[in-house]
Amino acid sequence: MSLQSLLQTLIPSWTSVGMLLSYLGYLAVFGSVLPGKVIDGVVLADGTRLKYRCNGFLSLILLISLLVIGVQAGVISATAIADKGLQLLSAAFVFSFIVSD
């Protein structure tokens, strides 16, 4: 792989941005909808605590199930994430830079 092609694959495509935003949207929706044990977070400066729903494993199982169904239905490629690996990495880096303070 030449340097030129490596740099070309590091530029996020609109497909990789869409995949990243879809994943983050999935986490936002199903993280608040799926059942799970509610845990109190650390004490904040004003004395209150944030509540966290511990449903990560259930969310993972649902995500894998949806991906398997999508592959079986021919909606997505089984190697879609691996094919866009570096572009997803770059898109995640740009997104984290934008939302950071």
PDB file of N, CA and C in Angstrom:
ATOM      1  N   MET A   1       0.851  -1.168   0.000  1.00  0.00           N
ATOM      2  CA  MET A   1       0.000   0.000   0.000  1.00  0.00           C
ATOM      3  C   MET A   1       0.897   1.232   0.000  1.00  0.00           C
ATOM      4  N   SER A   2       0.693   2.092  -0.954  1.00  0.00           N
ATOM      5  CA  SER A   2       1.511   3.289  -1.053  1.00  0.00           C
ATOM      6  C   SER A   2       1.000   4.358  -0.089  1.00  0.00           C
ATOM      7  N   LEU A   3       1.828   5.346   0.142  1.00  0.00           N
ATOM      8  CA  LEU A   3       1.469   6.434   1.048  1.00  0.00           C
ATOM      9  C   LEU A   3       0.253   7.188   0.527  1.00  0.00           C
ATOM     10  N   GLN A   4       0.187   7.369  -0.770  1.00  0.00           N
ATOM     11  CA  GLN A   4      -0.941   8.078  -1.379  1.00  0.00           C
ATOM     12  C   GLN A   4      -2.258   7.350  -1.115  1.00  0.00           C
ATOM     13  N   SER A   5      -2.283   6.040  -1.296  1.00  0.00           N
ATOM     14  CA  SER A   5      -3.522   5.287  -1.074  1.00  0.00           C
ATOM     15  C   SER A   5      -3.860   5.203   0.411  1.00  0.00           C
ATOM     16  N   LEU A   6      -2.838   5.169   1.278  1.00  0.00           N
ATOM     17  CA  LEU A   6      -3.087   5.171   2.714  1.00  0.00           C
ATOM     18  C   LEU A   6      -3.724   6.482   3.147  1.00  0.00           C
ATOM     19  N   LEU A   7      -3.193   7.589   2.667  1.00  0.00           N
ATOM     20  CA  LEU A   7      -3.778   8.896   3.003  1.00  0.00           C
ATOM     21  C   LEU A   7      -5.192   9.029   2.452  1.00  0.00           C
ATOM     22  N   GLN A   8      -5.438   8.436   1.293  1.00  0.00           N
ATOM     23  CA  GLN A   8      -6.769   8.483   0.686  1.00  0.00           C
ATOM     24  C   GLN A   8      -7.778   7.706   1.529  1.00  0.00           C
ATOM     25  N   THR A   9      -7.350   6.588   2.133  1.00  0.00           N
ATOM     26  CA  THR A   9      -8.273   5.803   2.950  1.00  0.00           C
ATOM     27  C   THR A   9      -8.493   6.427   4.325  1.00  0.00           C
ATOM     28  N   LEU A  10      -7.632   7.347   4.740  1.00  0.00           N
ATOM     29  CA  LEU A  10      -7.820   8.016   6.026  1.00  0.00           C
ATOM     30  C   LEU A  10      -8.841   9.149   5.966  1.00  0.00           C
ATOM     31  N   ILE A  11      -9.213   9.570   4.779  1.00  0.00           N
ATOM     32  CA  ILE A  11     -10.223  10.624   4.628  1.00  0.00           C
ATOM     33  C   ILE A  11     -11.597   9.974   4.768  1.00  0.00           C
ATOM     34  N   PRO A  12     -12.386  10.415   5.761  1.00  0.00           N
ATOM     35  CA  PRO A  12     -13.703   9.783   5.973  1.00  0.00           C
ATOM     36  C   PRO A  12     -14.635   9.999   4.782  1.00  0.00           C
ATOM     37  N   SER A  13     -15.295   8.934   4.364  1.00  0.00           N
ATOM     38  CA  SER A  13     -16.304   9.050   3.299  1.00  0.00           C
ATOM     39  C   SER A  13     -17.661   9.330   3.946  1.00  0.00           C
ATOM     40  N   TRP A  14     -18.605   9.729   3.131  1.00  0.00           N
ATOM     41  CA  TRP A  14     -19.954   9.975   3.656  1.00  0.00           C
ATOM     42  C   TRP A  14     -20.580   8.687   4.163  1.00  0.00           C
ATOM     43  N   THR A  15     -20.193   7.556   3.558  1.00  0.00           N
ATOM     44  CA  THR A  15     -20.691   6.263   4.028  1.00  0.00           C
ATOM     45  C   THR A  15     -20.199   5.965   5.433  1.00  0.00           C
ATOM     46  N   SER A  16     -18.913   6.212   5.684  1.00  0.00           N
ATOM     47  CA  SER A  16     -18.371   5.947   7.016  1.00  0.00           C
ATOM     48  C   SER A  16     -18.957   6.907   8.052  1.00  0.00           C
ATOM     49  N   VAL A  17     -19.187   8.151   7.666  1.00  0.00           N
ATOM     50  CA  VAL A  17     -19.825   9.110   8.580  1.00  0.00           C
ATOM     51  C   VAL A  17     -21.248   8.656   8.894  1.00  0.00           C
ATOM     52  N   GLY A  18     -21.956   8.185   7.881  1.00  0.00           N
ATOM     53  CA  GLY A  18     -23.313   7.677   8.097  1.00  0.00           C
ATOM     54  C   GLY A  18     -23.327   6.447   8.990  1.00  0.00           C
ATOM     55  N   MET A  19     -22.343   5.559   8.806  1.00  0.00           N
ATOM     56  CA  MET A  19     -22.258   4.377   9.663  1.00  0.00           C
ATOM     57  C   MET A  19     -21.988   4.768  11.111  1.00  0.00           C
ATOM     58  N   LEU A  20     -21.086   5.727  11.314  1.00  0.00           N
ATOM     59  CA  LEU A  20     -20.765   6.173  12.664  1.00  0.00           C
ATOM     60  C   LEU A  20     -21.968   6.844  13.319  1.00  0.00           C
ATOM     61  N   LEU A  21     -22.633   7.728  12.591  1.00  0.00           N
ATOM     62  CA  LEU A  21     -23.802   8.405  13.156  1.00  0.00           C
ATOM     63  C   LEU A  21     -24.952   7.436  13.414  1.00  0.00           C
ATOM     64  N   SER A  22     -25.088   6.427  12.580  1.00  0.00           N
ATOM     65  CA  SER A  22     -26.108   5.398  12.814  1.00  0.00           C
ATOM     66  C   SER A  22     -25.809   4.631  14.093  1.00  0.00           C
ATOM     67  N   TYR A  23     -24.541   4.288  14.296  1.00  0.00           N
ATOM     68  CA  TYR A  23     -24.150   3.566  15.505  1.00  0.00           C
ATOM     69  C   TYR A  23     -24.365   4.423  16.750  1.00  0.00           C
ATOM     70  N   LEU A  24     -23.969   5.680  16.693  1.00  0.00           N
ATOM     71  CA  LEU A  24     -24.163   6.564  17.843  1.00  0.00           C
ATOM     72  C   LEU A  24     -25.649   6.794  18.111  1.00  0.00           C
ATOM     73  N   GLY A  25     -26.448   6.900  17.056  1.00  0.00           N
ATOM     74  CA  GLY A  25     -27.894   7.023  17.224  1.00  0.00           C
ATOM     75  C   GLY A  25     -28.487   5.766  17.843  1.00  0.00           C
ATOM     76  N   TYR A  26     -28.015   4.606  17.398  1.00  0.00           N
ATOM     77  CA  TYR A  26     -28.461   3.340  17.990  1.00  0.00           C
ATOM     78  C   TYR A  26     -28.161   3.318  19.477  1.00  0.00           C
ATOM     79  N   LEU A  27     -26.930   3.703  19.858  1.00  0.00           N
ATOM     80  CA  LEU A  27     -26.560   3.723  21.267  1.00  0.00           C
ATOM     81  C   LEU A  27     -27.428   4.683  22.070  1.00  0.00           C
ATOM     82  N   ALA A  28     -27.728   5.836  21.503  1.00  0.00           N
ATOM     83  CA  ALA A  28     -28.540   6.829  22.214  1.00  0.00           C
ATOM     84  C   ALA A  28     -29.960   6.327  22.432  1.00  0.00           C
ATOM     85  N   VAL A  29     -30.558   5.757  21.388  1.00  0.00           N
ATOM     86  CA  VAL A  29     -31.956   5.311  21.483  1.00  0.00           C
ATOM     87  C   VAL A  29     -32.075   4.078  22.365  1.00  0.00           C
ATOM     88  N   PHE A  30     -31.319   3.043  22.042  1.00  0.00           N
ATOM     89  CA  PHE A  30     -31.487   1.786  22.764  1.00  0.00           C
ATOM     90  C   PHE A  30     -30.832   1.805  24.143  1.00  0.00           C
ATOM     91  N   GLY A  31     -29.896   2.709  24.363  1.00  0.00           N
ATOM     92  CA  GLY A  31     -29.331   2.856  25.693  1.00  0.00           C
ATOM     93  C   GLY A  31     -30.334   3.396  26.684  1.00  0.00           C
ATOM     94  N   SER A  32     -31.297   4.165  26.195  1.00  0.00           N
ATOM     95  CA  SER A  32     -32.317   4.715  27.089  1.00  0.00           C
ATOM     96  C   SER A  32     -33.608   3.903  27.079  1.00  0.00           C
ATOM     97  N   VAL A  33     -33.810   3.059  26.075  1.00  0.00           N
ATOM     98  CA  VAL A  33     -35.058   2.310  25.953  1.00  0.00           C
ATOM     99  C   VAL A  33     -34.957   0.907  26.566  1.00  0.00           C
ATOM    100  N   LEU A  34     -33.843   0.237  26.353  1.00  0.00           N
ATOM    101  CA  LEU A  34     -33.706  -1.141  26.829  1.00  0.00           C
ATOM    102  C   LEU A  34     -33.677  -1.196  28.353  1.00  0.00           C
ATOM    103  N   PRO A  35     -34.237  -2.256  28.918  1.00  0.00           N
ATOM    104  CA  PRO A  35     -34.235  -2.362  30.382  1.00  0.00           C
ATOM    105  C   PRO A  35     -32.832  -2.655  30.917  1.00  0.00           C
ATOM    106  N   GLY A  36     -32.613  -2.247  32.135  1.00  0.00           N
ATOM    107  CA  GLY A  36     -31.332  -2.495  32.782  1.00  0.00           C
ATOM    108  C   GLY A  36     -31.336  -1.923  34.177  1.00  0.00           C
ATOM    109  N   LYS A  37     -30.430  -2.394  34.980  1.00  0.00           N
ATOM    110  CA  LYS A  37     -30.309  -1.915  36.347  1.00  0.00           C
ATOM    111  C   LYS A  37     -29.832  -0.465  36.332  1.00  0.00           C
ATOM    112  N   VAL A  38     -30.475   0.383  37.125  1.00  0.00           N
ATOM    113  CA  VAL A  38     -30.109   1.794  37.195  1.00  0.00           C
ATOM    114  C   VAL A  38     -29.137   1.979  38.360  1.00  0.00           C
ATOM    115  N   ILE A  39     -27.984   2.547  38.059  1.00  0.00           N
ATOM    116  CA  ILE A  39     -26.911   2.735  39.026  1.00  0.00           C
ATOM    117  C   ILE A  39     -26.665   4.230  39.215  1.00  0.00           C
ATOM    118  N   ASP A  40     -26.433   4.643  40.474  1.00  0.00           N
ATOM    119  CA  ASP A  40     -26.076   6.033  40.744  1.00  0.00           C
ATOM    120  C   ASP A  40     -24.610   6.264  40.404  1.00  0.00           C
ATOM    121  N   GLY A  41     -24.332   7.412  39.807  1.00  0.00           N
ATOM    122  CA  GLY A  41     -22.958   7.784  39.486  1.00  0.00           C
ATOM    123  C   GLY A  41     -22.281   8.460  40.663  1.00  0.00           C
ATOM    124  N   VAL A  42     -21.148   9.075  40.400  1.00  0.00           N
ATOM    125  CA  VAL A  42     -20.407   9.763  41.453  1.00  0.00           C
ATOM    126  C   VAL A  42     -21.149  11.027  41.875  1.00  0.00           C
ATOM    127  N   VAL A  43     -20.824  11.522  43.055  1.00  0.00           N
ATOM    128  CA  VAL A  43     -21.440  12.749  43.560  1.00  0.00           C
ATOM    129  C   VAL A  43     -20.885  13.936  42.779  1.00  0.00           C
ATOM    130  N   LEU A  44     -21.797  14.747  42.229  1.00  0.00           N
ATOM    131  CA  LEU A  44     -21.400  15.923  41.469  1.00  0.00           C
ATOM    132  C   LEU A  44     -21.138  17.093  42.408  1.00  0.00           C
ATOM    133  N   ALA A  45     -20.677  18.208  41.867  1.00  0.00           N
ATOM    134  CA  ALA A  45     -20.340  19.384  42.673  1.00  0.00           C
ATOM    135  C   ALA A  45     -21.548  19.925  43.429  1.00  0.00           C
ATOM    136  N   ASP A  46     -22.749  19.783  42.861  1.00  0.00           N
ATOM    137  CA  ASP A  46     -23.951  20.299  43.533  1.00  0.00           C
ATOM    138  C   ASP A  46     -24.578  19.274  44.474  1.00  0.00           C
ATOM    139  N   GLY A  47     -23.939  18.122  44.652  1.00  0.00           N
ATOM    140  CA  GLY A  47     -24.411  17.103  45.586  1.00  0.00           C
ATOM    141  C   GLY A  47     -25.346  16.070  44.987  1.00  0.00           C
ATOM    142  N   THR A  48     -25.735  16.236  43.736  1.00  0.00           N
ATOM    143  CA  THR A  48     -26.624  15.271  43.084  1.00  0.00           C
ATOM    144  C   THR A  48     -25.796  14.169  42.422  1.00  0.00           C
ATOM    145  N   ARG A  49     -26.503  13.144  41.977  1.00  0.00           N
ATOM    146  CA  ARG A  49     -25.864  12.038  41.265  1.00  0.00           C
ATOM    147  C   ARG A  49     -26.599  11.792  39.952  1.00  0.00           C
ATOM    148  N   LEU A  50     -25.831  11.496  38.905  1.00  0.00           N
ATOM    149  CA  LEU A  50     -26.440  11.091  37.645  1.00  0.00           C
ATOM    150  C   LEU A  50     -26.821   9.625  37.737  1.00  0.00           C
ATOM    151  N   LYS A  51     -27.864   9.250  37.010  1.00  0.00           N
ATOM    152  CA  LYS A  51     -28.321   7.852  36.961  1.00  0.00           C
ATOM    153  C   LYS A  51     -27.823   7.223  35.667  1.00  0.00           C
ATOM    154  N   TYR A  52     -27.293   6.031  35.764  1.00  0.00           N
ATOM    155  CA  TYR A  52     -26.801   5.294  34.608  1.00  0.00           C
ATOM    156  C   TYR A  52     -27.540   3.966  34.501  1.00  0.00           C
ATOM    157  N   ARG A  53     -28.026   3.689  33.288  1.00  0.00           N
ATOM    158  CA  ARG A  53     -28.703   2.416  33.045  1.00  0.00           C
ATOM    159  C   ARG A  53     -27.684   1.418  32.512  1.00  0.00           C
ATOM    160  N   CYS A  54     -27.499   0.325  33.226  1.00  0.00           N
ATOM    161  CA  CYS A  54     -26.516  -0.697  32.846  1.00  0.00           C
ATOM    162  C   CYS A  54     -27.185  -1.747  31.960  1.00  0.00           C
ATOM    163  N   ASN A  55     -27.206  -1.478  30.667  1.00  0.00           N
ATOM    164  CA  ASN A  55     -27.817  -2.403  29.717  1.00  0.00           C
ATOM    165  C   ASN A  55     -26.909  -2.627  28.503  1.00  0.00           C
ATOM    166  N   GLY A  56     -25.604  -2.522  28.725  1.00  0.00           N
ATOM    167  CA  GLY A  56     -24.656  -2.646  27.624  1.00  0.00           C
ATOM    168  C   GLY A  56     -24.643  -4.016  26.976  1.00  0.00           C
ATOM    169  N   PHE A  57     -24.742  -5.070  27.783  1.00  0.00           N
ATOM    170  CA  PHE A  57     -24.704  -6.420  27.207  1.00  0.00           C
ATOM    171  C   PHE A  57     -25.940  -6.679  26.350  1.00  0.00           C
ATOM    172  N   LEU A  58     -27.107  -6.276  26.850  1.00  0.00           N
ATOM    173  CA  LEU A  58     -28.339  -6.440  26.077  1.00  0.00           C
ATOM    174  C   LEU A  58     -28.282  -5.623  24.789  1.00  0.00           C
ATOM    175  N   SER A  59     -27.723  -4.417  24.875  1.00  0.00           N
ATOM    176  CA  SER A  59     -27.562  -3.576  23.694  1.00  0.00           C
ATOM    177  C   SER A  59     -26.623  -4.229  22.679  1.00  0.00           C
ATOM    178  N   LEU A  60     -25.557  -4.857  23.153  1.00  0.00           N
ATOM    179  CA  LEU A  60     -24.622  -5.557  22.268  1.00  0.00           C
ATOM    180  C   LEU A  60     -25.291  -6.738  21.578  1.00  0.00           C
ATOM    181  N   ILE A  61     -26.049  -7.531  22.332  1.00  0.00           N
ATOM    182  CA  ILE A  61     -26.737  -8.692  21.755  1.00  0.00           C
ATOM    183  C   ILE A  61     -27.739  -8.239  20.688  1.00  0.00           C
ATOM    184  N   LEU A  62     -28.473  -7.164  20.973  1.00  0.00           N
ATOM    185  CA  LEU A  62     -29.436  -6.645  19.995  1.00  0.00           C
ATOM    186  C   LEU A  62     -28.729  -6.118  18.755  1.00  0.00           C
ATOM    187  N   LEU A  63     -27.608  -5.418  18.935  1.00  0.00           N
ATOM    188  CA  LEU A  63     -26.853  -4.898  17.796  1.00  0.00           C
ATOM    189  C   LEU A  63     -26.340  -6.031  16.911  1.00  0.00           C
ATOM    190  N   ILE A  64     -25.770  -7.050  17.510  1.00  0.00           N
ATOM    191  CA  ILE A  64     -25.274  -8.188  16.727  1.00  0.00           C
ATOM    192  C   ILE A  64     -26.426  -8.886  16.008  1.00  0.00           C
ATOM    193  N   SER A  65     -27.562  -9.030  16.685  1.00  0.00           N
ATOM    194  CA  SER A  65     -28.731  -9.652  16.059  1.00  0.00           C
ATOM    195  C   SER A  65     -29.214  -8.835  14.861  1.00  0.00           C
ATOM    196  N   LEU A  66     -29.264  -7.520  15.021  1.00  0.00           N
ATOM    197  CA  LEU A  66     -29.688  -6.665  13.907  1.00  0.00           C
ATOM    198  C   LEU A  66     -28.700  -6.732  12.745  1.00  0.00           C
ATOM    199  N   LEU A  67     -27.403  -6.802  13.053  1.00  0.00           N
ATOM    200  CA  LEU A  67     -26.413  -6.928  11.984  1.00  0.00           C
ATOM    201  C   LEU A  67     -26.542  -8.257  11.255  1.00  0.00           C
ATOM    202  N   VAL A  68     -26.775  -9.337  11.991  1.00  0.00           N
ATOM    203  CA  VAL A  68     -26.947 -10.655  11.363  1.00  0.00           C
ATOM    204  C   VAL A  68     -28.193 -10.657  10.477  1.00  0.00           C
ATOM    205  N   ILE A  69     -29.279 -10.090  10.973  1.00  0.00           N
ATOM    206  CA  ILE A  69     -30.512 -10.008  10.174  1.00  0.00           C
ATOM    207  C   ILE A  69     -30.275  -9.170   8.921  1.00  0.00           C
ATOM    208  N   GLY A  70     -29.550  -8.056   9.072  1.00  0.00           N
ATOM    209  CA  GLY A  70     -29.250  -7.203   7.920  1.00  0.00           C
ATOM    210  C   GLY A  70     -28.397  -7.904   6.879  1.00  0.00           C
ATOM    211  N   VAL A  71     -27.438  -8.702   7.333  1.00  0.00           N
ATOM    212  CA  VAL A  71     -26.594  -9.452   6.398  1.00  0.00           C
ATOM    213  C   VAL A  71     -27.411 -10.539   5.707  1.00  0.00           C
ATOM    214  N   GLN A  72     -28.242 -11.262   6.474  1.00  0.00           N
ATOM    215  CA  GLN A  72     -29.071 -12.320   5.888  1.00  0.00           C
ATOM    216  C   GLN A  72     -30.067 -11.754   4.878  1.00  0.00           C
ATOM    217  N   ALA A  73     -30.574 -10.548   5.137  1.00  0.00           N
ATOM    218  CA  ALA A  73     -31.541  -9.932   4.224  1.00  0.00           C
ATOM    219  C   ALA A  73     -30.860  -9.258   3.034  1.00  0.00           C
ATOM    220  N   GLY A  74     -29.539  -9.157   3.075  1.00  0.00           N
ATOM    221  CA  GLY A  74     -28.811  -8.531   1.973  1.00  0.00           C
ATOM    222  C   GLY A  74     -28.800  -7.015   2.032  1.00  0.00           C
ATOM    223  N   VAL A  75     -29.163  -6.451   3.175  1.00  0.00           N
ATOM    224  CA  VAL A  75     -29.206  -4.995   3.321  1.00  0.00           C
ATOM    225  C   VAL A  75     -27.803  -4.426   3.509  1.00  0.00           C
ATOM    226  N   ILE A  76     -26.962  -5.130   4.266  1.00  0.00           N
ATOM    227  CA  ILE A  76     -25.596  -4.680   4.498  1.00  0.00           C
ATOM    228  C   ILE A  76     -24.627  -5.816   4.196  1.00  0.00           C
ATOM    229  N   SER A  77     -23.391  -5.436   3.973  1.00  0.00           N
ATOM    230  CA  SER A  77     -22.341  -6.422   3.718  1.00  0.00           C
ATOM    231  C   SER A  77     -21.793  -6.936   5.042  1.00  0.00           C
ATOM    232  N   ALA A  78     -21.406  -8.190   5.067  1.00  0.00           N
ATOM    233  CA  ALA A  78     -20.840  -8.767   6.280  1.00  0.00           C
ATOM    234  C   ALA A  78     -19.496  -8.135   6.625  1.00  0.00           C
ATOM    235  N   THR A  79     -18.825  -7.567   5.646  1.00  0.00           N
ATOM    236  CA  THR A  79     -17.516  -6.961   5.870  1.00  0.00           C
ATOM    237  C   THR A  79     -17.564  -5.438   5.789  1.00  0.00           C
ATOM    238  N   ALA A  80     -18.721  -4.855   5.939  1.00  0.00           N
ATOM    239  CA  ALA A  80     -18.867  -3.403   5.786  1.00  0.00           C
ATOM    240  C   ALA A  80     -18.020  -2.638   6.793  1.00  0.00           C
ATOM    241  N   ILE A  81     -17.993  -3.093   8.038  1.00  0.00           N
ATOM    242  CA  ILE A  81     -17.234  -2.395   9.071  1.00  0.00           C
ATOM    243  C   ILE A  81     -15.734  -2.552   8.815  1.00  0.00           C
ATOM    244  N   ALA A  82     -15.312  -3.748   8.452  1.00  0.00           N
ATOM    245  CA  ALA A  82     -13.893  -3.977   8.176  1.00  0.00           C
ATOM    246  C   ALA A  82     -13.435  -3.238   6.921  1.00  0.00           C
ATOM    247  N   ASP A  83     -14.303  -3.156   5.921  1.00  0.00           N
ATOM    248  CA  ASP A  83     -13.946  -2.463   4.681  1.00  0.00           C
ATOM    249  C   ASP A  83     -13.730  -0.969   4.903  1.00  0.00           C
ATOM    250  N   LYS A  84     -14.453  -0.402   5.816  1.00  0.00           N
ATOM    251  CA  LYS A  84     -14.375   1.044   6.093  1.00  0.00           C
ATOM    252  C   LYS A  84     -13.606   1.343   7.381  1.00  0.00           C
ATOM    253  N   GLY A  85     -12.757   0.421   7.836  1.00  0.00           N
ATOM    254  CA  GLY A  85     -12.099   0.532   9.133  1.00  0.00           C
ATOM    255  C   GLY A  85     -11.356   1.830   9.361  1.00  0.00           C
ATOM    256  N   LEU A  86     -10.438   2.179   8.459  1.00  0.00           N
ATOM    257  CA  LEU A  86      -9.667   3.405   8.639  1.00  0.00           C
ATOM    258  C   LEU A  86     -10.528   4.651   8.472  1.00  0.00           C
ATOM    259  N   GLN A  87     -11.495   4.592   7.584  1.00  0.00           N
ATOM    260  CA  GLN A  87     -12.393   5.735   7.412  1.00  0.00           C
ATOM    261  C   GLN A  87     -13.271   5.922   8.641  1.00  0.00           C
ATOM    262  N   LEU A  88     -13.724   4.810   9.248  1.00  0.00           N
ATOM    263  CA  LEU A  88     -14.491   4.904  10.489  1.00  0.00           C
ATOM    264  C   LEU A  88     -13.642   5.468  11.621  1.00  0.00           C
ATOM    265  N   LEU A  89     -12.387   5.050  11.677  1.00  0.00           N
ATOM    266  CA  LEU A  89     -11.468   5.576  12.684  1.00  0.00           C
ATOM    267  C   LEU A  89     -11.297   7.084  12.516  1.00  0.00           C
ATOM    268  N   SER A  90     -11.106   7.526  11.295  1.00  0.00           N
ATOM    269  CA  SER A  90     -10.948   8.955  11.030  1.00  0.00           C
ATOM    270  C   SER A  90     -12.225   9.728  11.335  1.00  0.00           C
ATOM    271  N   ALA A  91     -13.360   9.164  10.969  1.00  0.00           N
ATOM    272  CA  ALA A  91     -14.633   9.837  11.239  1.00  0.00           C
ATOM    273  C   ALA A  91     -14.877   9.938  12.745  1.00  0.00           C
ATOM    274  N   ALA A  92     -14.541   8.889  13.489  1.00  0.00           N
ATOM    275  CA  ALA A  92     -14.691   8.922  14.940  1.00  0.00           C
ATOM    276  C   ALA A  92     -13.754   9.952  15.561  1.00  0.00           C
ATOM    277  N   PHE A  93     -12.549  10.079  15.036  1.00  0.00           N
ATOM    278  CA  PHE A  93     -11.608  11.075  15.534  1.00  0.00           C
ATOM    279  C   PHE A  93     -12.128  12.487  15.283  1.00  0.00           C
ATOM    280  N   VAL A  94     -12.624  12.743  14.073  1.00  0.00           N
ATOM    281  CA  VAL A  94     -13.151  14.073  13.743  1.00  0.00           C
ATOM    282  C   VAL A  94     -14.368  14.374  14.614  1.00  0.00           C
ATOM    283  N   PHE A  95     -15.254  13.403  14.797  1.00  0.00           N
ATOM    284  CA  PHE A  95     -16.440  13.596  15.631  1.00  0.00           C
ATOM    285  C   PHE A  95     -16.050  13.899  17.078  1.00  0.00           C
ATOM    286  N   SER A  96     -15.091  13.152  17.618  1.00  0.00           N
ATOM    287  CA  SER A  96     -14.679  13.389  19.005  1.00  0.00           C
ATOM    288  C   SER A  96     -14.003  14.739  19.152  1.00  0.00           C
ATOM    289  N   PHE A  97     -13.285  15.184  18.134  1.00  0.00           N
ATOM    290  CA  PHE A  97     -12.668  16.504  18.181  1.00  0.00           C
ATOM    291  C   PHE A  97     -13.734  17.602  18.165  1.00  0.00           C
ATOM    292  N   ILE A  98     -14.787  17.406  17.386  1.00  0.00           N
ATOM    293  CA  ILE A  98     -15.853  18.410  17.281  1.00  0.00           C
ATOM    294  C   ILE A  98     -16.638  18.530  18.580  1.00  0.00           C
ATOM    295  N   VAL A  99     -16.956  17.404  19.214  1.00  0.00           N
ATOM    296  CA  VAL A  99     -17.801  17.453  20.410  1.00  0.00           C
ATOM    297  C   VAL A  99     -17.024  17.700  21.697  1.00  0.00           C
ATOM    298  N   SER A 100     -15.693  17.671  21.636  1.00  0.00           N
ATOM    299  CA  SER A 100     -14.917  17.912  22.860  1.00  0.00           C
ATOM    300  C   SER A 100     -14.885  19.403  23.163  1.00  0.00           C
ATOM    301  N   ASP A 101     -14.651  19.686  24.415  1.00  0.00           N
ATOM    302  CA  ASP A 101     -14.603  21.097  24.829  1.00  0.00           C
ATOM    303  C   ASP A 101     -13.276  21.718  24.526  1.00  0.00           C
TER     304      ASP A 101
END
